[in-house]
């Protein structure tokens, strides 16, 4: 009897967990749809700005911009690691942390000074184990544009004041709904070489002056690049959570089936035992 009560409690707990994980999967799916639309909308804008900067600067080799100029000696590097504030998203955070650890190790082997800027509570492991100068940001969940833009301005200011020589970002790149992977990319200076080799998208008539246009376009391009990075990380997080919670729901369903089978067997054994006792009592009375 005690075994049956235990099985009933365990099955009830599994059903409650199944309801929770199913709800979390539905919420993650809804958030993924919203975030994926933002990524699709932001990508063409960011790529067009990047291409425009590359085209303008390729027209004249003498053109330059402080945010697109590489330092002769790169010694101090700010490394932004984008993780999440919440768990239940599979290996999303661990993949980012492991990739960041390799990136830090590589930079230190080259004799660089690393200044960590960690986004998300779940990257606290990386935050706690590092002896490097570091900052932790927990208010950037779901890639709010104004907050991401404020963070971008912080790094732009540090770069212009030569507090850092380069800013890199470790994040989860969103490739498709079935493929996301951790990636490291250069945020500052603007990676002009990635776009300069491509053919020009057209001739431009610039007014009033190329330098004045660059002074506006380059910062906007940099801000949009960081915003897109945060959007891709957010989409990847929601996908990972949706997959993890769907898998947890399936596991709960399997557990409920197993517990139901065990319950039926235990109940059948109890009924058989009770029948045997009843028949034994009947035979005793008859004698």
C-alpha atoms as a PDB file:
ATOM      1  CA  UNK A   1       0.000   0.000   0.000  1.00  0.00           C
ATOM      2  CA  UNK A   2       2.853   2.348   0.824  1.00  0.00           C
ATOM      3  CA  UNK A   3       4.423   1.636  -2.594  1.00  0.00           C
ATOM      4  CA  UNK A   4       1.193   2.531  -4.390  1.00  0.00           C
ATOM      5  CA  UNK A   5       0.912   5.842  -2.530  1.00  0.00           C
ATOM      6  CA  UNK A   6       4.516   6.655  -3.458  1.00  0.00           C
ATOM      7  CA  UNK A   7       3.868   5.877  -7.127  1.00  0.00           C
ATOM      8  CA  UNK A   8       0.725   8.055  -7.100  1.00  0.00           C
ATOM      9  CA  UNK A   9       2.695  10.990  -5.657  1.00  0.00           C
ATOM     10  CA  UNK A  10       5.537  10.557  -8.127  1.00  0.00           C
ATOM     11  CA  UNK A  11       3.128  10.383 -11.070  1.00  0.00           C
ATOM     12  CA  UNK A  12       1.325  13.502  -9.873  1.00  0.00           C
ATOM     13  CA  UNK A  13       4.660  15.347  -9.562  1.00  0.00           C
ATOM     14  CA  UNK A  14       5.657  14.242 -13.078  1.00  0.00           C
ATOM     15  CA  UNK A  15       2.353  15.510 -14.480  1.00  0.00           C
ATOM     16  CA  UNK A  16       2.847  18.888 -12.764  1.00  0.00           C
ATOM     17  CA  UNK A  17       6.380  19.129 -14.155  1.00  0.00           C
ATOM     18  CA  UNK A  18       5.074  18.234 -17.611  1.00  0.00           C
ATOM     19  CA  UNK A  19       2.567  21.101 -17.441  1.00  0.00           C
ATOM     20  CA  UNK A  20       5.307  23.545 -16.430  1.00  0.00           C
ATOM     21  CA  UNK A  21       7.799  22.470 -19.111  1.00  0.00           C
ATOM     22  CA  UNK A  22       5.102  22.492 -21.794  1.00  0.00           C
ATOM     23  CA  UNK A  23       4.111  26.031 -20.804  1.00  0.00           C
ATOM     24  CA  UNK A  24       7.742  27.162 -20.811  1.00  0.00           C
ATOM     25  CA  UNK A  25       8.216  25.641 -24.280  1.00  0.00           C
ATOM     26  CA  UNK A  26       5.164  27.527 -25.600  1.00  0.00           C
ATOM     27  CA  UNK A  27       6.396  30.811 -24.102  1.00  0.00           C
ATOM     28  CA  UNK A  28       9.871  30.278 -25.576  1.00  0.00           C
ATOM     29  CA  UNK A  29       8.336  29.526 -28.963  1.00  0.00           C
ATOM     30  CA  UNK A  30       6.307  32.744 -28.866  1.00  0.00           C
ATOM     31  CA  UNK A  31       9.363  34.787 -27.857  1.00  0.00           C
ATOM     32  CA  UNK A  32      11.414  33.117 -30.587  1.00  0.00           C
ATOM     33  CA  UNK A  33       8.929  34.170 -33.259  1.00  0.00           C
ATOM     34  CA  UNK A  34       9.034  37.794 -32.095  1.00  0.00           C
ATOM     35  CA  UNK A  35      12.836  37.870 -31.776  1.00  0.00           C
ATOM     36  CA  UNK A  36      13.397  36.136 -35.127  1.00  0.00           C
ATOM     37  CA  UNK A  37      11.297  38.789 -36.878  1.00  0.00           C
ATOM     38  CA  UNK A  38      13.494  41.459 -35.287  1.00  0.00           C
ATOM     39  CA  UNK A  39      16.650  39.712 -36.527  1.00  0.00           C
ATOM     40  CA  UNK A  40      15.265  39.422 -40.054  1.00  0.00           C
ATOM     41  CA  UNK A  41      14.333  43.115 -39.988  1.00  0.00           C
ATOM     42  CA  UNK A  42      17.640  44.327 -38.502  1.00  0.00           C
ATOM     43  CA  UNK A  43      20.022  42.295 -40.662  1.00  0.00           C
ATOM     44  CA  UNK A  44      19.487  44.095 -44.023  1.00  0.00           C
ATOM     45  CA  UNK A  45      19.789  47.497 -42.329  1.00  0.00           C
ATOM     46  CA  UNK A  46      23.056  46.600 -40.584  1.00  0.00           C
ATOM     47  CA  UNK A  47      24.530  45.007 -43.709  1.00  0.00           C
ATOM     48  CA  UNK A  48      23.576  48.011 -45.841  1.00  0.00           C
ATOM     49  CA  UNK A  49      25.232  50.410 -43.411  1.00  0.00           C
ATOM     50  CA  UNK A  50      28.377  48.269 -43.300  1.00  0.00           C
ATOM     51  CA  UNK A  51      28.495  48.134 -47.087  1.00  0.00           C
ATOM     52  CA  UNK A  52      27.945  51.883 -47.353  1.00  0.00           C
ATOM     53  CA  UNK A  53      30.878  52.585 -45.013  1.00  0.00           C
ATOM     54  CA  UNK A  54      33.093  50.197 -46.987  1.00  0.00           C
ATOM     55  CA  UNK A  55      32.101  51.781 -50.313  1.00  0.00           C
ATOM     56  CA  UNK A  56      32.682  55.335 -49.121  1.00  0.00           C
ATOM     57  CA  UNK A  57      36.074  54.572 -47.600  1.00  0.00           C
ATOM     58  CA  UNK A  58      37.156  52.500 -50.610  1.00  0.00           C
ATOM     59  CA  UNK A  59      36.676  55.494 -52.907  1.00  0.00           C
ATOM     60  CA  UNK A  60      39.611  57.293 -51.361  1.00  0.00           C
ATOM     61  CA  UNK A  61      42.447  55.590 -49.469  1.00  0.00           C
ATOM     62  CA  UNK A  62      43.100  58.822 -47.566  1.00  0.00           C
ATOM     63  CA  UNK A  63      39.684  58.681 -45.902  1.00  0.00           C
ATOM     64  CA  UNK A  64      39.625  57.449 -42.329  1.00  0.00           C
ATOM     65  CA  UNK A  65      37.536  57.506 -39.202  1.00  0.00           C
ATOM     66  CA  UNK A  66      38.636  57.154 -35.551  1.00  0.00           C
ATOM     67  CA  UNK A  67      36.274  54.221 -35.018  1.00  0.00           C
ATOM     68  CA  UNK A  68      37.517  52.416 -38.129  1.00  0.00           C
ATOM     69  CA  UNK A  69      41.246  52.921 -37.598  1.00  0.00           C
ATOM     70  CA  UNK A  70      43.268  50.023 -36.212  1.00  0.00           C
ATOM     71  CA  UNK A  71      45.829  50.724 -33.515  1.00  0.00           C
ATOM     72  CA  UNK A  72      49.453  50.083 -34.353  1.00  0.00           C
ATOM     73  CA  UNK A  73      49.812  48.102 -31.146  1.00  0.00           C
ATOM     74  CA  UNK A  74      46.878  46.198 -29.710  1.00  0.00           C
ATOM     75  CA  UNK A  75      47.518  45.557 -26.011  1.00  0.00           C
ATOM     76  CA  UNK A  76      44.304  46.182 -24.058  1.00  0.00           C
ATOM     77  CA  UNK A  77      41.254  44.270 -25.249  1.00  0.00           C
ATOM     78  CA  UNK A  78      37.699  44.550 -23.948  1.00  0.00           C
ATOM     79  CA  UNK A  79      35.901  41.226 -24.330  1.00  0.00           C
ATOM     80  CA  UNK A  80      32.089  41.206 -24.183  1.00  0.00           C
ATOM     81  CA  UNK A  81      30.586  37.788 -23.400  1.00  0.00           C
ATOM     82  CA  UNK A  82      26.844  37.580 -24.096  1.00  0.00           C
ATOM     83  CA  UNK A  83      24.986  34.906 -22.095  1.00  0.00           C
ATOM     84  CA  UNK A  84      21.540  34.855 -20.437  1.00  0.00           C
ATOM     85  CA  UNK A  85      20.020  35.724 -17.084  1.00  0.00           C
ATOM     86  CA  UNK A  86      17.913  32.561 -16.925  1.00  0.00           C
ATOM     87  CA  UNK A  87      18.590  28.864 -17.269  1.00  0.00           C
ATOM     88  CA  UNK A  88      16.525  25.959 -18.648  1.00  0.00           C
ATOM     89  CA  UNK A  89      17.975  26.594 -22.122  1.00  0.00           C
ATOM     90  CA  UNK A  90      20.066  23.490 -22.651  1.00  0.00           C
ATOM     91  CA  UNK A  91      23.739  23.987 -23.415  1.00  0.00           C
ATOM     92  CA  UNK A  92      23.311  27.582 -24.627  1.00  0.00           C
ATOM     93  CA  UNK A  93      25.221  29.210 -21.763  1.00  0.00           C
ATOM     94  CA  UNK A  94      27.852  26.497 -21.359  1.00  0.00           C
ATOM     95  CA  UNK A  95      28.766  26.698 -25.057  1.00  0.00           C
ATOM     96  CA  UNK A  96      29.239  30.472 -24.832  1.00  0.00           C
ATOM     97  CA  UNK A  97      31.271  30.198 -21.608  1.00  0.00           C
ATOM     98  CA  UNK A  98      33.527  27.459 -22.997  1.00  0.00           C
ATOM     99  CA  UNK A  99      34.115  29.442 -26.190  1.00  0.00           C
ATOM    100  CA  UNK A 100      34.885  32.578 -24.170  1.00  0.00           C
ATOM    101  CA  UNK A 101      37.372  30.675 -22.012  1.00  0.00           C
ATOM    102  CA  UNK A 102      39.237  29.565 -25.133  1.00  0.00           C
ATOM    103  CA  UNK A 103      39.191  33.131 -26.475  1.00  0.00           C
ATOM    104  CA  UNK A 104      40.585  34.509 -23.195  1.00  0.00           C
ATOM    105  CA  UNK A 105      43.301  31.862 -23.139  1.00  0.00           C
ATOM    106  CA  UNK A 106      44.264  32.672 -26.733  1.00  0.00           C
ATOM    107  CA  UNK A 107      44.434  36.421 -26.095  1.00  0.00           C
ATOM    108  CA  UNK A 108      46.535  35.971 -22.959  1.00  0.00           C
ATOM    109  CA  UNK A 109      48.921  33.655 -24.800  1.00  0.00           C
ATOM    110  CA  UNK A 110      49.519  36.569 -27.180  1.00  0.00           C
ATOM    111  CA  UNK A 111      50.390  38.805 -24.226  1.00  0.00           C
ATOM    112  CA  UNK A 112      47.164  40.853 -24.321  1.00  0.00           C
ATOM    113  CA  UNK A 113      45.452  42.435 -21.333  1.00  0.00           C
ATOM    114  CA  UNK A 114      41.819  41.306 -21.186  1.00  0.00           C
ATOM    115  CA  UNK A 115      39.012  43.401 -19.664  1.00  0.00           C
ATOM    116  CA  UNK A 116      35.898  41.246 -19.301  1.00  0.00           C
ATOM    117  CA  UNK A 117      32.380  42.596 -19.745  1.00  0.00           C
ATOM    118  CA  UNK A 118      29.938  39.786 -19.018  1.00  0.00           C
ATOM    119  CA  UNK A 119      26.262  39.969 -19.934  1.00  0.00           C
ATOM    120  CA  UNK A 120      23.907  37.635 -18.081  1.00  0.00           C
ATOM    121  CA  UNK A 121      23.787  36.035 -14.633  1.00  0.00           C
ATOM    122  CA  UNK A 122      24.401  32.569 -16.051  1.00  0.00           C
ATOM    123  CA  UNK A 123      27.924  33.560 -17.055  1.00  0.00           C
ATOM    124  CA  UNK A 124      28.739  34.138 -13.386  1.00  0.00           C
ATOM    125  CA  UNK A 125      31.031  31.097 -13.501  1.00  0.00           C
ATOM    126  CA  UNK A 126      33.256  32.933 -15.945  1.00  0.00           C
ATOM    127  CA  UNK A 127      32.916  36.073 -13.861  1.00  0.00           C
ATOM    128  CA  UNK A 128      33.909  34.353 -10.607  1.00  0.00           C
ATOM    129  CA  UNK A 129      36.869  32.358 -11.884  1.00  0.00           C
ATOM    130  CA  UNK A 130      38.555  35.199 -13.772  1.00  0.00           C
ATOM    131  CA  UNK A 131      41.152  37.405 -12.118  1.00  0.00           C
ATOM    132  CA  UNK A 132      40.947  39.963 -14.924  1.00  0.00           C
ATOM    133  CA  UNK A 133      39.232  43.351 -14.535  1.00  0.00           C
ATOM    134  CA  UNK A 134      35.549  42.708 -15.199  1.00  0.00           C
ATOM    135  CA  UNK A 135      32.027  44.087 -15.217  1.00  0.00           C
ATOM    136  CA  UNK A 136      28.733  42.192 -14.981  1.00  0.00           C
ATOM    137  CA  UNK A 137      25.567  43.368 -16.759  1.00  0.00           C
ATOM    138  CA  UNK A 138      22.206  41.788 -15.913  1.00  0.00           C
ATOM    139  CA  UNK A 139      19.770  44.332 -17.374  1.00  0.00           C
ATOM    140  CA  UNK A 140      20.262  43.570 -21.076  1.00  0.00           C
ATOM    141  CA  UNK A 141      17.835  40.667 -21.393  1.00  0.00           C
ATOM    142  CA  UNK A 142      15.796  40.394 -24.626  1.00  0.00           C
ATOM    143  CA  UNK A 143      18.006  42.952 -26.412  1.00  0.00           C
ATOM    144  CA  UNK A 144      16.341  46.266 -25.602  1.00  0.00           C
ATOM    145  CA  UNK A 145      17.668  48.771 -28.148  1.00  0.00           C
ATOM    146  CA  UNK A 146      18.155  51.698 -25.780  1.00  0.00           C
ATOM    147  CA  UNK A 147      20.129  49.605 -23.285  1.00  0.00           C
ATOM    148  CA  UNK A 148      22.269  47.987 -25.967  1.00  0.00           C
ATOM    149  CA  UNK A 149      22.883  51.399 -27.508  1.00  0.00           C
ATOM    150  CA  UNK A 150      23.996  52.765 -24.109  1.00  0.00           C
ATOM    151  CA  UNK A 151      26.449  49.859 -23.784  1.00  0.00           C
ATOM    152  CA  UNK A 152      27.776  50.530 -27.289  1.00  0.00           C
ATOM    153  CA  UNK A 153      28.342  54.186 -26.422  1.00  0.00           C
ATOM    154  CA  UNK A 154      30.321  53.103 -23.354  1.00  0.00           C
ATOM    155  CA  UNK A 155      32.739  51.064 -25.473  1.00  0.00           C
ATOM    156  CA  UNK A 156      32.965  53.731 -28.154  1.00  0.00           C
ATOM    157  CA  UNK A 157      33.985  56.206 -25.457  1.00  0.00           C
ATOM    158  CA  UNK A 158      36.596  53.797 -24.072  1.00  0.00           C
ATOM    159  CA  UNK A 159      37.999  53.182 -27.541  1.00  0.00           C
ATOM    160  CA  UNK A 160      38.182  56.858 -28.478  1.00  0.00           C
ATOM    161  CA  UNK A 161      39.880  57.672 -25.154  1.00  0.00           C
ATOM    162  CA  UNK A 162      42.353  54.834 -25.782  1.00  0.00           C
ATOM    163  CA  UNK A 163      41.413  52.942 -22.652  1.00  0.00           C
ATOM    164  CA  UNK A 164      41.162  49.862 -24.871  1.00  0.00           C
ATOM    165  CA  UNK A 165      42.744  49.103 -28.232  1.00  0.00           C
ATOM    166  CA  UNK A 166      40.123  46.645 -29.425  1.00  0.00           C
ATOM    167  CA  UNK A 167      36.652  45.452 -28.437  1.00  0.00           C
ATOM    168  CA  UNK A 168      35.623  41.869 -29.184  1.00  0.00           C
ATOM    169  CA  UNK A 169      32.310  40.096 -28.622  1.00  0.00           C
ATOM    170  CA  UNK A 170      31.641  36.418 -27.889  1.00  0.00           C
ATOM    171  CA  UNK A 171      28.029  35.518 -28.627  1.00  0.00           C
ATOM    172  CA  UNK A 172      25.813  32.839 -30.158  1.00  0.00           C
ATOM    173  CA  UNK A 173      25.394  33.394 -33.870  1.00  0.00           C
ATOM    174  CA  UNK A 174      21.936  32.684 -35.254  1.00  0.00           C
ATOM    175  CA  UNK A 175      22.325  30.854 -38.561  1.00  0.00           C
ATOM    176  CA  UNK A 176      18.931  29.182 -38.815  1.00  0.00           C
ATOM    177  CA  UNK A 177      16.227  27.690 -36.628  1.00  0.00           C
ATOM    178  CA  UNK A 178      18.224  24.455 -36.484  1.00  0.00           C
ATOM    179  CA  UNK A 179      21.742  25.858 -36.275  1.00  0.00           C
ATOM    180  CA  UNK A 180      23.320  28.275 -33.800  1.00  0.00           C
ATOM    181  CA  UNK A 181      26.947  28.376 -32.752  1.00  0.00           C
ATOM    182  CA  UNK A 182      29.221  30.478 -30.516  1.00  0.00           C
ATOM    183  CA  UNK A 183      31.325  33.042 -32.334  1.00  0.00           C
ATOM    184  CA  UNK A 184      33.869  35.771 -31.606  1.00  0.00           C
ATOM    185  CA  UNK A 185      33.830  38.952 -33.672  1.00  0.00           C
ATOM    186  CA  UNK A 186      35.501  42.360 -33.619  1.00  0.00           C
ATOM    187  CA  UNK A 187      33.181  45.173 -32.556  1.00  0.00           C
ATOM    188  CA  UNK A 188      35.758  47.992 -32.481  1.00  0.00           C
ATOM    189  CA  UNK A 189      37.458  49.164 -34.563  1.00  0.00           C
ATOM    190  CA  UNK A 190      34.890  48.843 -37.325  1.00  0.00           C
ATOM    191  CA  UNK A 191      35.980  45.736 -39.345  1.00  0.00           C
ATOM    192  CA  UNK A 192      36.344  47.556 -42.638  1.00  0.00           C
ATOM    193  CA  UNK A 193      38.468  44.771 -44.168  1.00  0.00           C
ATOM    194  CA  UNK A 194      35.538  42.368 -44.043  1.00  0.00           C
ATOM    195  CA  UNK A 195      33.643  44.540 -46.538  1.00  0.00           C
ATOM    196  CA  UNK A 196      36.362  46.419 -48.417  1.00  0.00           C
ATOM    197  CA  UNK A 197      37.234  43.495 -50.683  1.00  0.00           C
ATOM    198  CA  UNK A 198      33.723  43.265 -52.079  1.00  0.00           C
ATOM    199  CA  UNK A 199      32.678  45.102 -55.229  1.00  0.00           C
ATOM    200  CA  UNK A 200      31.148  48.508 -54.735  1.00  0.00           C
ATOM    201  CA  UNK A 201      27.368  48.510 -54.629  1.00  0.00           C
ATOM    202  CA  UNK A 202      27.225  51.684 -56.714  1.00  0.00           C
ATOM    203  CA  UNK A 203      28.388  55.250 -57.216  1.00  0.00           C
ATOM    204  CA  UNK A 204      27.446  57.797 -54.584  1.00  0.00           C
ATOM    205  CA  UNK A 205      26.938  61.517 -54.742  1.00  0.00           C
ATOM    206  CA  UNK A 206      27.896  62.664 -51.274  1.00  0.00           C
ATOM    207  CA  UNK A 207      26.623  65.902 -49.783  1.00  0.00           C
ATOM    208  CA  UNK A 208      27.875  67.998 -48.142  1.00  0.00           C
ATOM    209  CA  UNK A 209      31.139  66.158 -47.487  1.00  0.00           C
ATOM    210  CA  UNK A 210      32.327  62.532 -47.325  1.00  0.00           C
ATOM    211  CA  UNK A 211      33.929  62.980 -43.909  1.00  0.00           C
ATOM    212  CA  UNK A 212      30.759  64.511 -42.504  1.00  0.00           C
ATOM    213  CA  UNK A 213      28.716  61.600 -43.824  1.00  0.00           C
ATOM    214  CA  UNK A 214      31.201  59.098 -42.374  1.00  0.00           C
ATOM    215  CA  UNK A 215      31.036  60.819 -38.994  1.00  0.00           C
ATOM    216  CA  UNK A 216      27.364  59.982 -38.902  1.00  0.00           C
ATOM    217  CA  UNK A 217      27.261  56.608 -40.701  1.00  0.00           C
ATOM    218  CA  UNK A 218      30.179  54.851 -38.969  1.00  0.00           C
ATOM    219  CA  UNK A 219      28.805  55.200 -35.396  1.00  0.00           C
ATOM    220  CA  UNK A 220      25.331  54.193 -36.591  1.00  0.00           C
ATOM    221  CA  UNK A 221      26.789  51.119 -38.270  1.00  0.00           C
ATOM    222  CA  UNK A 222      28.672  50.178 -35.097  1.00  0.00           C
ATOM    223  CA  UNK A 223      25.569  50.580 -32.923  1.00  0.00           C
ATOM    224  CA  UNK A 224      23.457  48.500 -35.312  1.00  0.00           C
ATOM    225  CA  UNK A 225      26.104  45.758 -35.382  1.00  0.00           C
ATOM    226  CA  UNK A 226      26.051  45.371 -31.595  1.00  0.00           C
ATOM    227  CA  UNK A 227      22.257  45.455 -31.556  1.00  0.00           C
ATOM    228  CA  UNK A 228      22.142  42.680 -34.149  1.00  0.00           C
ATOM    229  CA  UNK A 229      24.598  40.628 -32.064  1.00  0.00           C
ATOM    230  CA  UNK A 230      22.310  40.906 -29.041  1.00  0.00           C
ATOM    231  CA  UNK A 231      19.273  40.030 -31.160  1.00  0.00           C
ATOM    232  CA  UNK A 232      20.965  36.907 -32.510  1.00  0.00           C
ATOM    233  CA  UNK A 233      21.943  35.879 -28.978  1.00  0.00           C
ATOM    234  CA  UNK A 234      18.364  36.403 -27.797  1.00  0.00           C
ATOM    235  CA  UNK A 235      16.920  34.323 -30.648  1.00  0.00           C
ATOM    236  CA  UNK A 236      19.429  31.536 -29.989  1.00  0.00           C
ATOM    237  CA  UNK A 237      18.531  31.536 -26.292  1.00  0.00           C
ATOM    238  CA  UNK A 238      14.796  31.218 -27.004  1.00  0.00           C
ATOM    239  CA  UNK A 239      15.395  28.393 -29.498  1.00  0.00           C
ATOM    240  CA  UNK A 240      17.601  26.527 -27.016  1.00  0.00           C
ATOM    241  CA  UNK A 241      15.002  26.924 -24.266  1.00  0.00           C
ATOM    242  CA  UNK A 242      12.182  25.804 -26.555  1.00  0.00           C
ATOM    243  CA  UNK A 243      14.093  22.667 -27.572  1.00  0.00           C
ATOM    244  CA  UNK A 244      15.166  21.910 -23.999  1.00  0.00           C
ATOM    245  CA  UNK A 245      11.646  22.306 -22.611  1.00  0.00           C
ATOM    246  CA  UNK A 246      10.096  20.214 -25.395  1.00  0.00           C
ATOM    247  CA  UNK A 247      12.594  17.477 -24.612  1.00  0.00           C
ATOM    248  CA  UNK A 248      11.820  17.783 -20.897  1.00  0.00           C
ATOM    249  CA  UNK A 249       8.098  17.492 -21.680  1.00  0.00           C
ATOM    250  CA  UNK A 250       8.730  14.328 -23.675  1.00  0.00           C
ATOM    251  CA  UNK A 251      10.835  12.895 -20.849  1.00  0.00           C
ATOM    252  CA  UNK A 252       8.069  13.697 -18.355  1.00  0.00           C
ATOM    253  CA  UNK A 253       5.553  11.904 -20.591  1.00  0.00           C
ATOM    254  CA  UNK A 254       7.804   8.833 -20.702  1.00  0.00           C
ATOM    255  CA  UNK A 255       8.197   8.969 -16.926  1.00  0.00           C
ATOM    256  CA  UNK A 256       4.406   9.178 -16.473  1.00  0.00           C
ATOM    257  CA  UNK A 257       3.970   6.086 -18.682  1.00  0.00           C
ATOM    258  CA  UNK A 258       6.552   4.132 -16.692  1.00  0.00           C
ATOM    259  CA  UNK A 259       5.052   5.177 -13.373  1.00  0.00           C
ATOM    260  CA  UNK A 260       1.551   4.312 -14.608  1.00  0.00           C
ATOM    261  CA  UNK A 261       2.788   0.864 -15.634  1.00  0.00           C
ATOM    262  CA  UNK A 262       4.408   0.335 -12.236  1.00  0.00           C
ATOM    263  CA  UNK A 263       1.246   1.584 -10.513  1.00  0.00           C
ATOM    264  CA  UNK A 264      -0.944  -0.826 -12.476  1.00  0.00           C
ATOM    265  CA  UNK A 265       1.330  -3.741 -11.626  1.00  0.00           C
ATOM    266  CA  UNK A 266       1.423  -2.796  -7.946  1.00  0.00           C
ATOM    267  CA  UNK A 267      -2.346  -2.324  -7.895  1.00  0.00           C
ATOM    268  CA  UNK A 268      -2.866  -5.661  -9.645  1.00  0.00           C
ATOM    269  CA  UNK A 269      -0.566  -7.388  -7.140  1.00  0.00           C
ATOM    270  CA  UNK A 270      -2.481  -5.766  -4.272  1.00  0.00           C
ATOM    271  CA  UNK A 271      -5.844  -6.890  -5.675  1.00  0.00           C
ATOM    272  CA  UNK A 272      -4.525 -10.424  -6.209  1.00  0.00           C
ATOM    273  CA  UNK A 273      -3.225 -10.481  -2.651  1.00  0.00           C
ATOM    274  CA  UNK A 274      -6.554  -9.245  -1.291  1.00  0.00           C
ATOM    275  CA  UNK A 275      -8.450 -11.842  -3.303  1.00  0.00           C
ATOM    276  CA  UNK A 276      -6.164 -14.576  -2.063  1.00  0.00           C
ATOM    277  CA  UNK A 277      -6.705 -13.471   1.514  1.00  0.00           C
ATOM    278  CA  UNK A 278     -10.471 -13.375   0.992  1.00  0.00           C
ATOM    279  CA  UNK A 279     -10.539 -16.845  -0.554  1.00  0.00           C
ATOM    280  CA  UNK A 280      -8.383 -18.140   2.280  1.00  0.00           C
ATOM    281  CA  UNK A 281     -10.826 -16.705   4.800  1.00  0.00           C
ATOM    282  CA  UNK A 282     -13.782 -18.272   2.967  1.00  0.00           C
ATOM    283  CA  UNK A 283     -12.105 -21.677   2.973  1.00  0.00           C
ATOM    284  CA  UNK A 284     -11.369 -21.340   6.669  1.00  0.00           C
ATOM    285  CA  UNK A 285     -14.990 -20.524   7.444  1.00  0.00           C
ATOM    286  CA  UNK A 286     -16.236 -23.422   5.368  1.00  0.00           C
ATOM    287  CA  UNK A 287     -14.049 -25.838   7.318  1.00  0.00           C
END
